Amino acid sequence: MLEDLTGRITRLTRFFFFTLAVIVLGWGFGGAPPFLAGMALGLAIGYIGVVHLAKRVHRFVQAVAQGDRLPSLGTFTRLALVALATVTVMTYPQHFEYTGLVLGLVLPTVFAIGDAIYTQLKQGK
């Protein structure tokens, strides 16, 4: 299980840096800096949230297997990160756009779900 989780986090990290590089290039050469700045912020917060959740789920599974006390999944931490990003966008609306923030927050989760589906289909064959 740990090897599978490590592989998924590695693929997620590659996706994060590739997408962030594309956003930075678009930010430098494109015409929508507030949208792309919001997307970069959302992508960073979303990535941190997904990796944090993956590590918490791993701890949770270990605790269940060993019969220990069940730890929390860190929901408050992830909500606080999203709140921080939202406050940042509200404070600096000239630099960040809400649409980009929301899209950036969702992308890592969508990629993680897509990666899980692809891995399951690949193992089933």
C-alpha atoms as a PDB file:
ATOM      1  CA  MET A   1       0.000   0.000   0.000  1.00  0.00           C
ATOM      2  CA  LEU A   2       2.800   2.439   0.870  1.00  0.00           C
ATOM      3  CA  GLU A   3       4.524   1.869  -2.492  1.00  0.00           C
ATOM      4  CA  ASP A   4       1.251   2.575  -4.299  1.00  0.00           C
ATOM      5  CA  LEU A   5       0.711   5.764  -2.274  1.00  0.00           C
ATOM      6  CA  THR A   6       4.280   6.907  -2.895  1.00  0.00           C
ATOM      7  CA  GLY A   7       3.839   6.344  -6.640  1.00  0.00           C
ATOM      8  CA  ARG A   8       0.607   8.298  -6.666  1.00  0.00           C
ATOM      9  CA  ILE A   9       2.132  11.202  -4.757  1.00  0.00           C
ATOM     10  CA  THR A  10       5.093  11.177  -7.167  1.00  0.00           C
ATOM     11  CA  ARG A  11       2.748  11.335 -10.180  1.00  0.00           C
ATOM     12  CA  LEU A  12       0.744  14.092  -8.490  1.00  0.00           C
ATOM     13  CA  THR A  13       3.946  16.058  -7.827  1.00  0.00           C
ATOM     14  CA  ARG A  14       4.998  15.738 -11.478  1.00  0.00           C
ATOM     15  CA  PHE A  15       1.551  16.920 -12.572  1.00  0.00           C
ATOM     16  CA  PHE A  16       1.757  19.832 -10.123  1.00  0.00           C
ATOM     17  CA  PHE A  17       5.138  21.076 -11.338  1.00  0.00           C
ATOM     18  CA  PHE A  18       4.266  20.580 -15.018  1.00  0.00           C
ATOM     19  CA  THR A  19       0.974  22.459 -14.639  1.00  0.00           C
ATOM     20  CA  LEU A  20       2.641  25.170 -12.566  1.00  0.00           C
ATOM     21  CA  ALA A  21       5.310  25.608 -15.259  1.00  0.00           C
ATOM     22  CA  VAL A  22       2.614  25.992 -17.920  1.00  0.00           C
ATOM     23  CA  ILE A  23       0.802  28.542 -15.726  1.00  0.00           C
ATOM     24  CA  VAL A  24       3.987  30.538 -15.139  1.00  0.00           C
ATOM     25  CA  LEU A  25       4.746  30.545 -18.873  1.00  0.00           C
ATOM     26  CA  GLY A  26       1.191  31.678 -19.606  1.00  0.00           C
ATOM     27  CA  TRP A  27       1.477  34.290 -16.883  1.00  0.00           C
ATOM     28  CA  GLY A  28       4.672  35.651 -18.419  1.00  0.00           C
ATOM     29  CA  PHE A  29       3.570  35.587 -22.051  1.00  0.00           C
ATOM     30  CA  GLY A  30      -0.226  35.623 -21.893  1.00  0.00           C
ATOM     31  CA  GLY A  31      -2.824  38.258 -21.382  1.00  0.00           C
ATOM     32  CA  ALA A  32      -4.635  37.112 -18.222  1.00  0.00           C
ATOM     33  CA  PRO A  33      -2.231  37.558 -15.274  1.00  0.00           C
ATOM     34  CA  PRO A  34      -4.908  37.781 -12.506  1.00  0.00           C
ATOM     35  CA  PHE A  35      -6.598  34.565 -13.672  1.00  0.00           C
ATOM     36  CA  LEU A  36      -3.299  32.687 -13.913  1.00  0.00           C
ATOM     37  CA  ALA A  37      -2.065  34.088 -10.583  1.00  0.00           C
ATOM     38  CA  GLY A  38      -5.262  32.856  -8.934  1.00  0.00           C
ATOM     39  CA  MET A  39      -4.850  29.509 -10.643  1.00  0.00           C
ATOM     40  CA  ALA A  40      -1.243  29.203  -9.448  1.00  0.00           C
ATOM     41  CA  LEU A  41      -2.309  30.022  -5.892  1.00  0.00           C
ATOM     42  CA  GLY A  42      -5.196  27.566  -6.055  1.00  0.00           C
ATOM     43  CA  LEU A  43      -3.012  24.857  -7.564  1.00  0.00           C
ATOM     44  CA  ALA A  44      -0.419  25.246  -4.813  1.00  0.00           C
ATOM     45  CA  ILE A  45      -3.027  25.137  -2.027  1.00  0.00           C
ATOM     46  CA  GLY A  46      -4.841  22.240  -3.720  1.00  0.00           C
ATOM     47  CA  TYR A  47      -1.603  20.273  -4.066  1.00  0.00           C
ATOM     48  CA  ILE A  48      -0.727  20.803  -0.407  1.00  0.00           C
ATOM     49  CA  GLY A  49      -4.232  19.724   0.579  1.00  0.00           C
ATOM     50  CA  VAL A  50      -4.218  16.544  -1.498  1.00  0.00           C
ATOM     51  CA  VAL A  51      -0.751  15.465  -0.315  1.00  0.00           C
ATOM     52  CA  HIS A  52      -1.742  16.230   3.277  1.00  0.00           C
ATOM     53  CA  LEU A  53      -4.894  14.127   2.867  1.00  0.00           C
ATOM     54  CA  ALA A  54      -2.924  11.238   1.334  1.00  0.00           C
ATOM     55  CA  LYS A  55      -0.529  11.156   4.271  1.00  0.00           C
ATOM     56  CA  ARG A  56      -3.417  11.350   6.745  1.00  0.00           C
ATOM     57  CA  VAL A  57      -5.244   8.488   5.013  1.00  0.00           C
ATOM     58  CA  HIS A  58      -2.082   6.395   5.188  1.00  0.00           C
ATOM     59  CA  ARG A  59      -1.840   7.046   8.944  1.00  0.00           C
ATOM     60  CA  PHE A  60      -5.541   6.249   9.308  1.00  0.00           C
ATOM     61  CA  VAL A  61      -5.157   2.901   7.499  1.00  0.00           C
ATOM     62  CA  GLN A  62      -2.142   2.001   9.635  1.00  0.00           C
ATOM     63  CA  ALA A  63      -4.063   2.813  12.820  1.00  0.00           C
ATOM     64  CA  VAL A  64      -7.002   0.656  11.718  1.00  0.00           C
ATOM     65  CA  ALA A  65      -4.688  -2.242  10.847  1.00  0.00           C
ATOM     66  CA  GLN A  66      -2.928  -2.043  14.212  1.00  0.00           C
ATOM     67  CA  GLY A  67      -6.096  -1.408  16.232  1.00  0.00           C
ATOM     68  CA  ASP A  68      -4.835   1.940  17.542  1.00  0.00           C
ATOM     69  CA  ARG A  69      -6.828   5.098  18.167  1.00  0.00           C
ATOM     70  CA  LEU A  70      -8.058   6.559  14.874  1.00  0.00           C
ATOM     71  CA  PRO A  71      -6.457   9.882  13.915  1.00  0.00           C
ATOM     72  CA  SER A  72      -8.383  12.647  12.183  1.00  0.00           C
ATOM     73  CA  LEU A  73      -8.105  13.170   8.444  1.00  0.00           C
ATOM     74  CA  GLY A  74      -7.061  16.830   8.769  1.00  0.00           C
ATOM     75  CA  THR A  75     -10.236  18.396   7.424  1.00  0.00           C
ATOM     76  CA  PHE A  76      -9.788  21.565   9.479  1.00  0.00           C
ATOM     77  CA  THR A  77      -6.243  22.051   8.149  1.00  0.00           C
ATOM     78  CA  ARG A  78      -7.386  21.758   4.536  1.00  0.00           C
ATOM     79  CA  LEU A  79     -10.331  24.098   5.115  1.00  0.00           C
ATOM     80  CA  ALA A  80      -7.997  26.619   6.774  1.00  0.00           C
ATOM     81  CA  LEU A  81      -5.709  26.504   3.734  1.00  0.00           C
ATOM     82  CA  VAL A  82      -8.649  27.202   1.416  1.00  0.00           C
ATOM     83  CA  ALA A  83      -9.802  30.018   3.704  1.00  0.00           C
ATOM     84  CA  LEU A  84      -6.302  31.514   3.604  1.00  0.00           C
ATOM     85  CA  ALA A  85      -6.297  31.408  -0.192  1.00  0.00           C
ATOM     86  CA  THR A  86      -9.775  32.960  -0.309  1.00  0.00           C
ATOM     87  CA  VAL A  87      -8.791  35.775   2.044  1.00  0.00           C
ATOM     88  CA  THR A  88      -5.699  36.401  -0.078  1.00  0.00           C
ATOM     89  CA  VAL A  89      -7.825  36.696  -3.221  1.00  0.00           C
ATOM     90  CA  MET A  90     -10.323  38.946  -1.443  1.00  0.00           C
ATOM     91  CA  THR A  91      -7.541  41.164  -0.123  1.00  0.00           C
ATOM     92  CA  TYR A  92      -5.769  41.517  -3.489  1.00  0.00           C
ATOM     93  CA  PRO A  93      -8.490  41.323  -6.179  1.00  0.00           C
ATOM     94  CA  GLN A  94      -6.320  43.273  -8.611  1.00  0.00           C
ATOM     95  CA  HIS A  95      -3.694  40.486  -8.541  1.00  0.00           C
ATOM     96  CA  PHE A  96      -5.855  37.331  -8.219  1.00  0.00           C
ATOM     97  CA  GLU A  97      -9.103  36.149  -9.769  1.00  0.00           C
ATOM     98  CA  TYR A  98     -11.639  33.879  -8.030  1.00  0.00           C
ATOM     99  CA  THR A  99     -12.266  31.706 -11.078  1.00  0.00           C
ATOM    100  CA  GLY A 100      -8.596  30.818 -11.353  1.00  0.00           C
ATOM    101  CA  LEU A 101      -8.426  30.069  -7.633  1.00  0.00           C
ATOM    102  CA  VAL A 102     -11.367  27.669  -7.764  1.00  0.00           C
ATOM    103  CA  LEU A 103     -10.054  25.925 -10.873  1.00  0.00           C
ATOM    104  CA  GLY A 104      -6.605  25.604  -9.316  1.00  0.00           C
ATOM    105  CA  LEU A 105      -8.046  24.187  -6.080  1.00  0.00           C
ATOM    106  CA  VAL A 106      -9.981  21.505  -7.962  1.00  0.00           C
ATOM    107  CA  LEU A 107      -7.277  20.400 -10.432  1.00  0.00           C
ATOM    108  CA  PRO A 108      -5.115  18.320  -8.032  1.00  0.00           C
ATOM    109  CA  THR A 109      -8.170  16.461  -6.722  1.00  0.00           C
ATOM    110  CA  VAL A 110      -9.440  15.752 -10.237  1.00  0.00           C
ATOM    111  CA  PHE A 111      -5.994  14.517 -11.268  1.00  0.00           C
ATOM    112  CA  ALA A 112      -5.717  12.297  -8.159  1.00  0.00           C
ATOM    113  CA  ILE A 113      -9.127  10.744  -8.910  1.00  0.00           C
ATOM    114  CA  GLY A 114      -8.205  10.267 -12.566  1.00  0.00           C
ATOM    115  CA  ASP A 115      -4.899   8.692 -11.577  1.00  0.00           C
ATOM    116  CA  ALA A 116      -6.679   6.289  -9.212  1.00  0.00           C
ATOM    117  CA  ILE A 117      -9.153   5.263 -11.922  1.00  0.00           C
ATOM    118  CA  TYR A 118      -6.360   4.768 -14.469  1.00  0.00           C
ATOM    119  CA  THR A 119      -4.315   2.710 -11.989  1.00  0.00           C
ATOM    120  CA  GLN A 120      -7.309   0.475 -11.186  1.00  0.00           C
ATOM    121  CA  LEU A 121      -8.092  -0.079 -14.863  1.00  0.00           C
ATOM    122  CA  LYS A 122      -4.442  -0.819 -15.609  1.00  0.00           C
ATOM    123  CA  GLN A 123      -4.196  -3.362 -12.753  1.00  0.00           C
ATOM    124  CA  GLY A 124      -7.450  -5.021 -13.832  1.00  0.00           C
ATOM    125  CA  LYS A 125      -6.037  -5.980 -17.246  1.00  0.00           C
END
